[in-house]
Each structure stands twice: as structure tokens, then as C-alpha cells.
Amino acid sequence: MSNLTVRSAEGLIDTGQTTSQFKTSKMKAEMLGPEVKGKSFADTLNEAVNQVNTLQKVADKKMEDLATGKAKSIPDVMIAAEKADVALKLMVQVRNKIIDAYQEIMKMQV
């Protein structure tokens, strides 16, 4: 595990890769160039919004099933609703941070 830095350790934790897999993927990214290193910020944000939307739809479906008698498990419905609620709150906080960052950038003098 030579050359293990905090940044590479965070990369290992984030991706769940072994050190050899991480080194191989890092070398591939360096060989391909900067334009192929990963998803753009917009793609990542769009994917997160879609995941929150999916969680909301699942929670709504489980609530509907409970109300119509198709589902009997109240804890499952409550867990799905809480997951959707937490995901939405997180997305709102991310949006607020993005707006704050944009406003700070706009305040900068060129």
C-alpha cells in the first residue's frame, strides 16, 4: 500500500475498490485524458434528482397500497416515506448550497 494518501483512501472508500483496482482505473483515466475522467456535475445532479423522484414514487405507491388494502405492513410504508423525506430534504440542502455558491461567484469582481 505504498503511496496511500488521504485522497486515494477517500477514493477507495467512495468507490469500494481495492488498491490495485483503484490504481488501474486511475492509470486508465490518466491515459484517456481529462475529457473522459468521469460524469459531469450536471449528470451527477440529474441522477440524484431522478433517484429522489423514484423514492417519492415508491413511497406514494406503498401508501396507496396500504390505503387500498393491498399491503398490510405499516412499517414498510413508514420506512419508504421516511427515506423519501430524508432524500428530499438532502436534495433541498444541496440545492441551497449550489445557489449560495452561485451567488458568491456572482459577487466576485473580475
PDB file of N, CA and C in Angstrom:
ATOM      1  N   MET A   1       0.825  -1.187   0.000  1.00  0.00           N
ATOM      2  CA  MET A   1       0.000   0.000   0.000  1.00  0.00           C
ATOM      3  C   MET A   1       0.870   1.251   0.000  1.00  0.00           C
ATOM      4  N   SER A   2       1.872   1.264  -0.828  1.00  0.00           N
ATOM      5  CA  SER A   2       2.716   2.442  -0.905  1.00  0.00           C
ATOM      6  C   SER A   2       1.967   3.564  -1.595  1.00  0.00           C
ATOM      7  N   ASN A   3       2.356   4.779  -1.278  1.00  0.00           N
ATOM      8  CA  ASN A   3       1.748   5.983  -1.849  1.00  0.00           C
ATOM      9  C   ASN A   3       0.266   6.108  -1.524  1.00  0.00           C
ATOM     10  N   LEU A   4      -0.160   5.611  -0.375  1.00  0.00           N
ATOM     11  CA  LEU A   4      -1.547   5.742   0.035  1.00  0.00           C
ATOM     12  C   LEU A   4      -1.719   7.087   0.728  1.00  0.00           C
ATOM     13  N   THR A   5      -2.472   7.957   0.105  1.00  0.00           N
ATOM     14  CA  THR A   5      -2.726   9.273   0.673  1.00  0.00           C
ATOM     15  C   THR A   5      -4.162   9.358   1.140  1.00  0.00           C
ATOM     16  N   VAL A   6      -4.479  10.440   1.800  1.00  0.00           N
ATOM     17  CA  VAL A   6      -5.849  10.646   2.261  1.00  0.00           C
ATOM     18  C   VAL A   6      -6.792  10.681   1.070  1.00  0.00           C
ATOM     19  N   ARG A   7      -6.371  11.355   0.011  1.00  0.00           N
ATOM     20  CA  ARG A   7      -7.213  11.465  -1.192  1.00  0.00           C
ATOM     21  C   ARG A   7      -7.460  10.099  -1.830  1.00  0.00           C
ATOM     22  N   SER A   8      -6.393   9.301  -1.946  1.00  0.00           N
ATOM     23  CA  SER A   8      -6.593   7.982  -2.549  1.00  0.00           C
ATOM     24  C   SER A   8      -7.393   7.074  -1.631  1.00  0.00           C
ATOM     25  N   ALA A   9      -7.228   7.221  -0.325  1.00  0.00           N
ATOM     26  CA  ALA A   9      -8.027   6.430   0.620  1.00  0.00           C
ATOM     27  C   ALA A   9      -9.497   6.798   0.507  1.00  0.00           C
ATOM     28  N   GLU A  10      -9.784   8.096   0.358  1.00  0.00           N
ATOM     29  CA  GLU A  10     -11.169   8.520   0.170  1.00  0.00           C
ATOM     30  C   GLU A  10     -11.728   7.942  -1.128  1.00  0.00           C
ATOM     31  N   GLY A  11     -10.898   7.900  -2.164  1.00  0.00           N
ATOM     32  CA  GLY A  11     -11.319   7.314  -3.429  1.00  0.00           C
ATOM     33  C   GLY A  11     -11.638   5.837  -3.285  1.00  0.00           C
ATOM     34  N   LEU A  12     -10.821   5.139  -2.504  1.00  0.00           N
ATOM     35  CA  LEU A  12     -11.077   3.720  -2.264  1.00  0.00           C
ATOM     36  C   LEU A  12     -12.386   3.523  -1.521  1.00  0.00           C
ATOM     37  N   ILE A  13     -12.627   4.369  -0.519  1.00  0.00           N
ATOM     38  CA  ILE A  13     -13.854   4.260   0.259  1.00  0.00           C
ATOM     39  C   ILE A  13     -15.069   4.587  -0.603  1.00  0.00           C
ATOM     40  N   ASP A  14     -14.960   5.655  -1.393  1.00  0.00           N
ATOM     41  CA  ASP A  14     -16.085   6.080  -2.232  1.00  0.00           C
ATOM     42  C   ASP A  14     -16.459   5.035  -3.285  1.00  0.00           C
ATOM     43  N   THR A  15     -15.443   4.438  -3.901  1.00  0.00           N
ATOM     44  CA  THR A  15     -15.714   3.516  -4.999  1.00  0.00           C
ATOM     45  C   THR A  15     -15.830   2.073  -4.557  1.00  0.00           C
ATOM     46  N   GLY A  16     -15.308   1.745  -3.370  1.00  0.00           N
ATOM     47  CA  GLY A  16     -15.346   0.373  -2.894  1.00  0.00           C
ATOM     48  C   GLY A  16     -14.376  -0.526  -3.633  1.00  0.00           C
ATOM     49  N   GLN A  17     -13.346   0.066  -4.214  1.00  0.00           N
ATOM     50  CA  GLN A  17     -12.369  -0.700  -4.970  1.00  0.00           C
ATOM     51  C   GLN A  17     -11.184  -1.086  -4.085  1.00  0.00           C
ATOM     52  N   THR A  18     -10.447  -2.086  -4.548  1.00  0.00           N
ATOM     53  CA  THR A  18      -9.190  -2.417  -3.894  1.00  0.00           C
ATOM     54  C   THR A  18      -8.126  -1.460  -4.396  1.00  0.00           C
ATOM     55  N   THR A  19      -6.966  -1.471  -3.749  1.00  0.00           N
ATOM     56  CA  THR A  19      -5.911  -0.540  -4.169  1.00  0.00           C
ATOM     57  C   THR A  19      -5.445  -0.822  -5.590  1.00  0.00           C
ATOM     58  N   SER A  20      -5.353  -2.093  -5.973  1.00  0.00           N
ATOM     59  CA  SER A  20      -4.911  -2.406  -7.333  1.00  0.00           C
ATOM     60  C   SER A  20      -5.952  -1.971  -8.367  1.00  0.00           C
ATOM     61  N   GLN A  21      -7.244  -2.162  -8.043  1.00  0.00           N
ATOM     62  CA  GLN A  21      -8.294  -1.713  -8.961  1.00  0.00           C
ATOM     63  C   GLN A  21      -8.266  -0.194  -9.077  1.00  0.00           C
ATOM     64  N   PHE A  22      -8.056   0.473  -7.955  1.00  0.00           N
ATOM     65  CA  PHE A  22      -8.035   1.937  -7.955  1.00  0.00           C
ATOM     66  C   PHE A  22      -6.874   2.454  -8.791  1.00  0.00           C
ATOM     67  N   LYS A  23      -5.694   1.838  -8.633  1.00  0.00           N
ATOM     68  CA  LYS A  23      -4.517   2.258  -9.403  1.00  0.00           C
ATOM     69  C   LYS A  23      -4.751   2.031 -10.892  1.00  0.00           C
ATOM     70  N   THR A  24      -5.355   0.893 -11.237  1.00  0.00           N
ATOM     71  CA  THR A  24      -5.621   0.585 -12.636  1.00  0.00           C
ATOM     72  C   THR A  24      -6.599   1.586 -13.236  1.00  0.00           C
ATOM     73  N   SER A  25      -7.686   1.884 -12.517  1.00  0.00           N
ATOM     74  CA  SER A  25      -8.654   2.845 -13.042  1.00  0.00           C
ATOM     75  C   SER A  25      -8.057   4.243 -13.119  1.00  0.00           C
ATOM     76  N   LYS A  26      -7.185   4.583 -12.150  1.00  0.00           N
ATOM     77  CA  LYS A  26      -6.537   5.898 -12.171  1.00  0.00           C
ATOM     78  C   LYS A  26      -5.605   6.009 -13.374  1.00  0.00           C
ATOM     79  N   MET A  27      -4.855   4.924 -13.660  1.00  0.00           N
ATOM     80  CA  MET A  27      -3.949   4.937 -14.807  1.00  0.00           C
ATOM     81  C   MET A  27      -4.741   5.042 -16.103  1.00  0.00           C
ATOM     82  N   LYS A  28      -5.871   4.343 -16.191  1.00  0.00           N
ATOM     83  CA  LYS A  28      -6.699   4.428 -17.396  1.00  0.00           C
ATOM     84  C   LYS A  28      -7.211   5.843 -17.598  1.00  0.00           C
ATOM     85  N   ALA A  29      -7.641   6.478 -16.505  1.00  0.00           N
ATOM     86  CA  ALA A  29      -8.163   7.839 -16.603  1.00  0.00           C
ATOM     87  C   ALA A  29      -7.072   8.798 -17.047  1.00  0.00           C
ATOM     88  N   GLU A  30      -5.844   8.605 -16.561  1.00  0.00           N
ATOM     89  CA  GLU A  30      -4.741   9.475 -16.964  1.00  0.00           C
ATOM     90  C   GLU A  30      -4.384   9.270 -18.427  1.00  0.00           C
ATOM     91  N   MET A  31      -4.468   8.028 -18.898  1.00  0.00           N
ATOM     92  CA  MET A  31      -4.134   7.746 -20.286  1.00  0.00           C
ATOM     93  C   MET A  31      -5.198   8.278 -21.236  1.00  0.00           C
ATOM     94  N   LEU A  32      -6.466   8.247 -20.825  1.00  0.00           N
ATOM     95  CA  LEU A  32      -7.543   8.692 -21.702  1.00  0.00           C
ATOM     96  C   LEU A  32      -7.609  10.205 -21.819  1.00  0.00           C
ATOM     97  N   GLY A  33      -7.145  10.906 -20.809  1.00  0.00           N
ATOM     98  CA  GLY A  33      -7.169  12.354 -20.859  1.00  0.00           C
ATOM     99  C   GLY A  33      -8.241  12.927 -19.961  1.00  0.00           C
ATOM    100  N   PRO A  34      -8.246  14.253 -19.803  1.00  0.00           N
ATOM    101  CA  PRO A  34      -9.159  14.884 -18.863  1.00  0.00           C
ATOM    102  C   PRO A  34     -10.627  14.831 -19.278  1.00  0.00           C
ATOM    103  N   GLU A  35     -10.909  14.671 -20.566  1.00  0.00           N
ATOM    104  CA  GLU A  35     -12.291  14.722 -21.004  1.00  0.00           C
ATOM    105  C   GLU A  35     -13.069  13.446 -20.717  1.00  0.00           C
ATOM    106  N   VAL A  36     -12.415  12.374 -20.306  1.00  0.00           N
ATOM    107  CA  VAL A  36     -13.094  11.111 -20.091  1.00  0.00           C
ATOM    108  C   VAL A  36     -12.936  10.631 -18.642  1.00  0.00           C
ATOM    109  N   LYS A  37     -12.677  11.525 -17.713  1.00  0.00           N
ATOM    110  CA  LYS A  37     -12.401  11.124 -16.340  1.00  0.00           C
ATOM    111  C   LYS A  37     -13.638  10.753 -15.547  1.00  0.00           C
ATOM    112  N   GLY A  38     -14.793  11.247 -15.875  1.00  0.00           N
ATOM    113  CA  GLY A  38     -15.981  10.905 -15.099  1.00  0.00           C
ATOM    114  C   GLY A  38     -17.188  11.681 -15.587  1.00  0.00           C
ATOM    115  N   LYS A  39     -18.271  11.500 -14.818  1.00  0.00           N
ATOM    116  CA  LYS A  39     -19.501  12.194 -15.174  1.00  0.00           C
ATOM    117  C   LYS A  39     -19.381  13.679 -14.836  1.00  0.00           C
ATOM    118  N   SER A  40     -20.122  14.466 -15.557  1.00  0.00           N
ATOM    119  CA  SER A  40     -20.129  15.896 -15.276  1.00  0.00           C
ATOM    120  C   SER A  40     -20.981  16.176 -14.036  1.00  0.00           C
ATOM    121  N   PHE A  41     -20.844  17.355 -13.502  1.00  0.00           N
ATOM    122  CA  PHE A  41     -21.618  17.750 -12.335  1.00  0.00           C
ATOM    123  C   PHE A  41     -23.108  17.736 -12.658  1.00  0.00           C
ATOM    124  N   ALA A  42     -23.455  18.189 -13.842  1.00  0.00           N
ATOM    125  CA  ALA A  42     -24.866  18.212 -14.246  1.00  0.00           C
ATOM    126  C   ALA A  42     -25.434  16.798 -14.313  1.00  0.00           C
ATOM    127  N   ASP A  43     -24.654  15.842 -14.833  1.00  0.00           N
ATOM    128  CA  ASP A  43     -25.116  14.457 -14.899  1.00  0.00           C
ATOM    129  C   ASP A  43     -25.319  13.880 -13.499  1.00  0.00           C
ATOM    130  N   THR A  44     -24.378  14.164 -12.608  1.00  0.00           N
ATOM    131  CA  THR A  44     -24.482  13.676 -11.235  1.00  0.00           C
ATOM    132  C   THR A  44     -25.700  14.262 -10.550  1.00  0.00           C
ATOM    133  N   LEU A  45     -25.923  15.541 -10.730  1.00  0.00           N
ATOM    134  CA  LEU A  45     -27.067  16.203 -10.120  1.00  0.00           C
ATOM    135  C   LEU A  45     -28.381  15.675 -10.695  1.00  0.00           C
ATOM    136  N   ASN A  46     -28.419  15.477 -11.990  1.00  0.00           N
ATOM    137  CA  ASN A  46     -29.613  14.944 -12.639  1.00  0.00           C
ATOM    138  C   ASN A  46     -29.917  13.533 -12.141  1.00  0.00           C
ATOM    139  N   GLU A  47     -28.888  12.726 -11.975  1.00  0.00           N
ATOM    140  CA  GLU A  47     -29.067  11.367 -11.463  1.00  0.00           C
ATOM    141  C   GLU A  47     -29.607  11.395 -10.031  1.00  0.00           C
ATOM    142  N   ALA A  48     -29.112  12.302  -9.220  1.00  0.00           N
ATOM    143  CA  ALA A  48     -29.583  12.417  -7.836  1.00  0.00           C
ATOM    144  C   ALA A  48     -31.050  12.835  -7.792  1.00  0.00           C
ATOM    145  N   VAL A  49     -31.436  13.775  -8.635  1.00  0.00           N
ATOM    146  CA  VAL A  49     -32.833  14.210  -8.684  1.00  0.00           C
ATOM    147  C   VAL A  49     -33.732  13.053  -9.115  1.00  0.00           C
ATOM    148  N   ASN A  50     -33.278  12.273 -10.077  1.00  0.00           N
ATOM    149  CA  ASN A  50     -34.066  11.122 -10.527  1.00  0.00           C
ATOM    150  C   ASN A  50     -34.211  10.081  -9.423  1.00  0.00           C
ATOM    151  N   GLN A  51     -33.168   9.882  -8.624  1.00  0.00           N
ATOM    152  CA  GLN A  51     -33.242   8.930  -7.519  1.00  0.00           C
ATOM    153  C   GLN A  51     -34.233   9.404  -6.456  1.00  0.00           C
ATOM    154  N   VAL A  52     -34.218  10.700  -6.162  1.00  0.00           N
ATOM    155  CA  VAL A  52     -35.176  11.250  -5.197  1.00  0.00           C
ATOM    156  C   VAL A  52     -36.597  11.088  -5.727  1.00  0.00           C
ATOM    157  N   ASN A  53     -36.778  11.339  -6.995  1.00  0.00           N
ATOM    158  CA  ASN A  53     -38.092  11.175  -7.617  1.00  0.00           C
ATOM    159  C   ASN A  53     -38.564   9.726  -7.520  1.00  0.00           C
ATOM    160  N   THR A  54     -37.669   8.794  -7.768  1.00  0.00           N
ATOM    161  CA  THR A  54     -38.008   7.378  -7.675  1.00  0.00           C
ATOM    162  C   THR A  54     -38.415   7.008  -6.249  1.00  0.00           C
ATOM    163  N   LEU A  55     -37.670   7.503  -5.257  1.00  0.00           N
ATOM    164  CA  LEU A  55     -38.013   7.228  -3.861  1.00  0.00           C
ATOM    165  C   LEU A  55     -39.390   7.793  -3.517  1.00  0.00           C
ATOM    166  N   GLN A  56     -39.706   8.978  -4.035  1.00  0.00           N
ATOM    167  CA  GLN A  56     -41.022   9.580  -3.792  1.00  0.00           C
ATOM    168  C   GLN A  56     -42.128   8.726  -4.411  1.00  0.00           C
ATOM    169  N   LYS A  57     -41.900   8.243  -5.619  1.00  0.00           N
ATOM    170  CA  LYS A  57     -42.901   7.419  -6.299  1.00  0.00           C
ATOM    171  C   LYS A  57     -43.115   6.097  -5.565  1.00  0.00           C
ATOM    172  N   VAL A  58     -42.029   5.481  -5.095  1.00  0.00           N
ATOM    173  CA  VAL A  58     -42.142   4.224  -4.354  1.00  0.00           C
ATOM    174  C   VAL A  58     -42.939   4.440  -3.073  1.00  0.00           C
ATOM    175  N   ALA A  59     -42.646   5.524  -2.356  1.00  0.00           N
ATOM    176  CA  ALA A  59     -43.368   5.819  -1.118  1.00  0.00           C
ATOM    177  C   ALA A  59     -44.858   6.056  -1.404  1.00  0.00           C
ATOM    178  N   ASP A  60     -45.152   6.797  -2.467  1.00  0.00           N
ATOM    179  CA  ASP A  60     -46.551   7.043  -2.830  1.00  0.00           C
ATOM    180  C   ASP A  60     -47.271   5.740  -3.169  1.00  0.00           C
ATOM    181  N   LYS A  61     -46.615   4.863  -3.903  1.00  0.00           N
ATOM    182  CA  LYS A  61     -47.217   3.589  -4.286  1.00  0.00           C
ATOM    183  C   LYS A  61     -47.484   2.731  -3.052  1.00  0.00           C
ATOM    184  N   LYS A  62     -46.524   2.698  -2.117  1.00  0.00           N
ATOM    185  CA  LYS A  62     -46.727   1.896  -0.902  1.00  0.00           C
ATOM    186  C   LYS A  62     -47.849   2.471  -0.046  1.00  0.00           C
ATOM    187  N   MET A  63     -47.968   3.794   0.014  1.00  0.00           N
ATOM    188  CA  MET A  63     -49.072   4.407   0.760  1.00  0.00           C
ATOM    189  C   MET A  63     -50.414   4.076   0.111  1.00  0.00           C
ATOM    190  N   GLU A  64     -50.435   4.124  -1.209  1.00  0.00           N
ATOM    191  CA  GLU A  64     -51.662   3.784  -1.940  1.00  0.00           C
ATOM    192  C   GLU A  64     -52.037   2.324  -1.704  1.00  0.00           C
ATOM    193  N   ASP A  65     -51.042   1.434  -1.742  1.00  0.00           N
ATOM    194  CA  ASP A  65     -51.305   0.015  -1.498  1.00  0.00           C
ATOM    195  C   ASP A  65     -51.828  -0.222  -0.085  1.00  0.00           C
ATOM    196  N   LEU A  66     -51.287   0.511   0.877  1.00  0.00           N
ATOM    197  CA  LEU A  66     -51.755   0.368   2.248  1.00  0.00           C
ATOM    198  C   LEU A  66     -53.197   0.865   2.382  1.00  0.00           C
ATOM    199  N   ALA A  67     -53.490   1.983   1.729  1.00  0.00           N
ATOM    200  CA  ALA A  67     -54.830   2.559   1.812  1.00  0.00           C
ATOM    201  C   ALA A  67     -55.883   1.672   1.137  1.00  0.00           C
ATOM    202  N   THR A  68     -55.494   0.982   0.071  1.00  0.00           N
ATOM    203  CA  THR A  68     -56.445   0.127  -0.635  1.00  0.00           C
ATOM    204  C   THR A  68     -56.485  -1.292  -0.090  1.00  0.00           C
ATOM    205  N   GLY A  69     -55.620  -1.614   0.855  1.00  0.00           N
ATOM    206  CA  GLY A  69     -55.627  -2.934   1.470  1.00  0.00           C
ATOM    207  C   GLY A  69     -54.737  -3.946   0.783  1.00  0.00           C
ATOM    208  N   LYS A  70     -53.997  -3.541  -0.230  1.00  0.00           N
ATOM    209  CA  LYS A  70     -53.087  -4.464  -0.917  1.00  0.00           C
ATOM    210  C   LYS A  70     -51.877  -4.802  -0.052  1.00  0.00           C
ATOM    211  N   ALA A  71     -51.450  -3.854   0.780  1.00  0.00           N
ATOM    212  CA  ALA A  71     -50.292  -4.064   1.659  1.00  0.00           C
ATOM    213  C   ALA A  71     -50.755  -4.009   3.102  1.00  0.00           C
ATOM    214  N   LYS A  72     -50.148  -4.808   3.930  1.00  0.00           N
ATOM    215  CA  LYS A  72     -50.535  -4.858   5.335  1.00  0.00           C
ATOM    216  C   LYS A  72     -49.431  -4.357   6.260  1.00  0.00           C
ATOM    217  N   SER A  73     -48.237  -4.137   5.731  1.00  0.00           N
ATOM    218  CA  SER A  73     -47.084  -3.789   6.553  1.00  0.00           C
ATOM    219  C   SER A  73     -46.934  -2.270   6.695  1.00  0.00           C
ATOM    220  N   ILE A  74     -47.380  -1.760   7.812  1.00  0.00           N
ATOM    221  CA  ILE A  74     -47.261  -0.320   8.070  1.00  0.00           C
ATOM    222  C   ILE A  74     -45.795   0.109   8.207  1.00  0.00           C
ATOM    223  N   PRO A  75     -44.937  -0.690   8.874  1.00  0.00           N
ATOM    224  CA  PRO A  75     -43.530  -0.271   8.979  1.00  0.00           C
ATOM    225  C   PRO A  75     -42.843  -0.097   7.628  1.00  0.00           C
ATOM    226  N   ASP A  76     -43.143  -0.973   6.666  1.00  0.00           N
ATOM    227  CA  ASP A  76     -42.550  -0.820   5.330  1.00  0.00           C
ATOM    228  C   ASP A  76     -42.964   0.499   4.688  1.00  0.00           C
ATOM    229  N   VAL A  77     -44.212   0.860   4.855  1.00  0.00           N
ATOM    230  CA  VAL A  77     -44.721   2.112   4.291  1.00  0.00           C
ATOM    231  C   VAL A  77     -44.045   3.305   4.968  1.00  0.00           C
ATOM    232  N   MET A  78     -43.914   3.231   6.293  1.00  0.00           N
ATOM    233  CA  MET A  78     -43.292   4.333   7.030  1.00  0.00           C
ATOM    234  C   MET A  78     -41.814   4.476   6.686  1.00  0.00           C
ATOM    235  N   ILE A  79     -41.127   3.363   6.511  1.00  0.00           N
ATOM    236  CA  ILE A  79     -39.709   3.412   6.146  1.00  0.00           C
ATOM    237  C   ILE A  79     -39.545   4.026   4.754  1.00  0.00           C
ATOM    238  N   ALA A  80     -40.370   3.627   3.816  1.00  0.00           N
ATOM    239  CA  ALA A  80     -40.297   4.187   2.459  1.00  0.00           C
ATOM    240  C   ALA A  80     -40.585   5.687   2.480  1.00  0.00           C
ATOM    241  N   ALA A  81     -41.568   6.092   3.289  1.00  0.00           N
ATOM    242  CA  ALA A  81     -41.909   7.514   3.379  1.00  0.00           C
ATOM    243  C   ALA A  81     -40.758   8.308   4.003  1.00  0.00           C
ATOM    244  N   GLU A  82     -40.129   7.745   5.023  1.00  0.00           N
ATOM    245  CA  GLU A  82     -39.008   8.438   5.666  1.00  0.00           C
ATOM    246  C   GLU A  82     -37.795   8.526   4.747  1.00  0.00           C
ATOM    247  N   LYS A  83     -37.524   7.460   3.987  1.00  0.00           N
ATOM    248  CA  LYS A  83     -36.430   7.502   3.023  1.00  0.00           C
ATOM    249  C   LYS A  83     -36.658   8.619   2.010  1.00  0.00           C
ATOM    250  N   ALA A  84     -37.876   8.694   1.513  1.00  0.00           N
ATOM    251  CA  ALA A  84     -38.208   9.731   0.532  1.00  0.00           C
ATOM    252  C   ALA A  84     -38.090  11.120   1.150  1.00  0.00           C
ATOM    253  N   ASP A  85     -38.528  11.261   2.399  1.00  0.00           N
ATOM    254  CA  ASP A  85     -38.473  12.546   3.082  1.00  0.00           C
ATOM    255  C   ASP A  85     -37.025  12.988   3.312  1.00  0.00           C
ATOM    256  N   VAL A  86     -36.194  12.075   3.785  1.00  0.00           N
ATOM    257  CA  VAL A  86     -34.781  12.407   4.033  1.00  0.00           C
ATOM    258  C   VAL A  86     -34.074  12.753   2.727  1.00  0.00           C
ATOM    259  N   ALA A  87     -34.357  11.978   1.673  1.00  0.00           N
ATOM    260  CA  ALA A  87     -33.733  12.255   0.375  1.00  0.00           C
ATOM    261  C   ALA A  87     -34.148  13.619  -0.161  1.00  0.00           C
ATOM    262  N   LEU A  88     -35.423  13.972   0.006  1.00  0.00           N
ATOM    263  CA  LEU A  88     -35.891  15.277  -0.460  1.00  0.00           C
ATOM    264  C   LEU A  88     -35.251  16.401   0.344  1.00  0.00           C
ATOM    265  N   LYS A  89     -35.162  16.232   1.659  1.00  0.00           N
ATOM    266  CA  LYS A  89     -34.522  17.261   2.493  1.00  0.00           C
ATOM    267  C   LYS A  89     -33.055  17.444   2.112  1.00  0.00           C
ATOM    268  N   LEU A  90     -32.367  16.335   1.858  1.00  0.00           N
ATOM    269  CA  LEU A  90     -30.974  16.422   1.433  1.00  0.00           C
ATOM    270  C   LEU A  90     -30.860  17.146   0.102  1.00  0.00           C
ATOM    271  N   MET A  91     -31.753  16.823  -0.835  1.00  0.00           N
ATOM    272  CA  MET A  91     -31.715  17.480  -2.145  1.00  0.00           C
ATOM    273  C   MET A  91     -31.968  18.977  -2.019  1.00  0.00           C
ATOM    274  N   VAL A  92     -32.864  19.373  -1.135  1.00  0.00           N
ATOM    275  CA  VAL A  92     -33.127  20.794  -0.916  1.00  0.00           C
ATOM    276  C   VAL A  92     -31.888  21.480  -0.347  1.00  0.00           C
ATOM    277  N   GLN A  93     -31.204  20.824   0.579  1.00  0.00           N
ATOM    278  CA  GLN A  93     -29.995  21.411   1.149  1.00  0.00           C
ATOM    279  C   GLN A  93     -28.884  21.532   0.101  1.00  0.00           C
ATOM    280  N   VAL A  94     -28.756  20.524  -0.755  1.00  0.00           N
ATOM    281  CA  VAL A  94     -27.770  20.598  -1.840  1.00  0.00           C
ATOM    282  C   VAL A  94     -28.110  21.750  -2.778  1.00  0.00           C
ATOM    283  N   ARG A  95     -29.392  21.889  -3.098  1.00  0.00           N
ATOM    284  CA  ARG A  95     -29.814  22.994  -3.950  1.00  0.00           C
ATOM    285  C   ARG A  95     -29.476  24.336  -3.314  1.00  0.00           C
ATOM    286  N   ASN A  96     -29.720  24.461  -2.006  1.00  0.00           N
ATOM    287  CA  ASN A  96     -29.411  25.705  -1.306  1.00  0.00           C
ATOM    288  C   ASN A  96     -27.919  26.016  -1.356  1.00  0.00           C
ATOM    289  N   LYS A  97     -27.094  24.992  -1.190  1.00  0.00           N
ATOM    290  CA  LYS A  97     -25.640  25.189  -1.242  1.00  0.00           C
ATOM    291  C   LYS A  97     -25.202  25.606  -2.649  1.00  0.00           C
ATOM    292  N   ILE A  98     -25.814  25.013  -3.655  1.00  0.00           N
ATOM    293  CA  ILE A  98     -25.479  25.380  -5.030  1.00  0.00           C
ATOM    294  C   ILE A  98     -25.863  26.828  -5.298  1.00  0.00           C
ATOM    295  N   ILE A  99     -27.026  27.226  -4.833  1.00  0.00           N
ATOM    296  CA  ILE A  99     -27.467  28.614  -5.020  1.00  0.00           C
ATOM    297  C   ILE A  99     -26.541  29.573  -4.286  1.00  0.00           C
ATOM    298  N   ASP A 100     -26.145  29.228  -3.052  1.00  0.00           N
ATOM    299  CA  ASP A 100     -25.212  30.070  -2.296  1.00  0.00           C
ATOM    300  C   ASP A 100     -23.877  30.199  -3.023  1.00  0.00           C
ATOM    301  N   ALA A 101     -23.381  29.088  -3.562  1.00  0.00           N
ATOM    302  CA  ALA A 101     -22.111  29.122  -4.292  1.00  0.00           C
ATOM    303  C   ALA A 101     -22.237  29.988  -5.539  1.00  0.00           C
ATOM    304  N   TYR A 102     -23.344  29.866  -6.251  1.00  0.00           N
ATOM    305  CA  TYR A 102     -23.570  30.678  -7.448  1.00  0.00           C
ATOM    306  C   TYR A 102     -23.603  32.160  -7.090  1.00  0.00           C
ATOM    307  N   GLN A 103     -24.298  32.487  -5.991  1.00  0.00           N
ATOM    308  CA  GLN A 103     -24.378  33.886  -5.577  1.00  0.00           C
ATOM    309  C   GLN A 103     -23.019  34.432  -5.177  1.00  0.00           C
ATOM    310  N   GLU A 104     -22.199  33.615  -4.533  1.00  0.00           N
ATOM    311  CA  GLU A 104     -20.848  34.037  -4.170  1.00  0.00           C
ATOM    312  C   GLU A 104     -19.999  34.276  -5.416  1.00  0.00           C
ATOM    313  N   ILE A 105     -20.151  33.424  -6.404  1.00  0.00           N
ATOM    314  CA  ILE A 105     -19.407  33.600  -7.659  1.00  0.00           C
ATOM    315  C   ILE A 105     -19.842  34.873  -8.355  1.00  0.00           C
ATOM    316  N   MET A 106     -21.136  35.168  -8.339  1.00  0.00           N
ATOM    317  CA  MET A 106     -21.636  36.374  -8.982  1.00  0.00           C
ATOM    318  C   MET A 106     -21.160  37.642  -8.277  1.00  0.00           C
ATOM    319  N   LYS A 107     -20.868  37.538  -6.988  1.00  0.00           N
ATOM    320  CA  LYS A 107     -20.386  38.705  -6.237  1.00  0.00           C
ATOM    321  C   LYS A 107     -18.921  39.027  -6.515  1.00  0.00           C
ATOM    322  N   MET A 108     -18.199  38.044  -7.061  1.00  0.00           N
ATOM    323  CA  MET A 108     -16.761  38.236  -7.320  1.00  0.00           C
ATOM    324  C   MET A 108     -16.560  39.281  -8.410  1.00  0.00           C
ATOM    325  N   GLN A 109     -15.532  40.083  -8.199  1.00  0.00           N
ATOM    326  CA  GLN A 109     -15.191  41.089  -9.204  1.00  0.00           C
ATOM    327  C   GLN A 109     -14.161  40.494 -10.146  1.00  0.00           C
ATOM    328  N   VAL A 110     -14.360  40.768 -11.416  1.00  0.00           N
ATOM    329  CA  VAL A 110     -13.450  40.217 -12.419  1.00  0.00           C
ATOM    330  C   VAL A 110     -12.375  41.214 -12.761  1.00  0.00           C
TER     331      VAL A 110
END
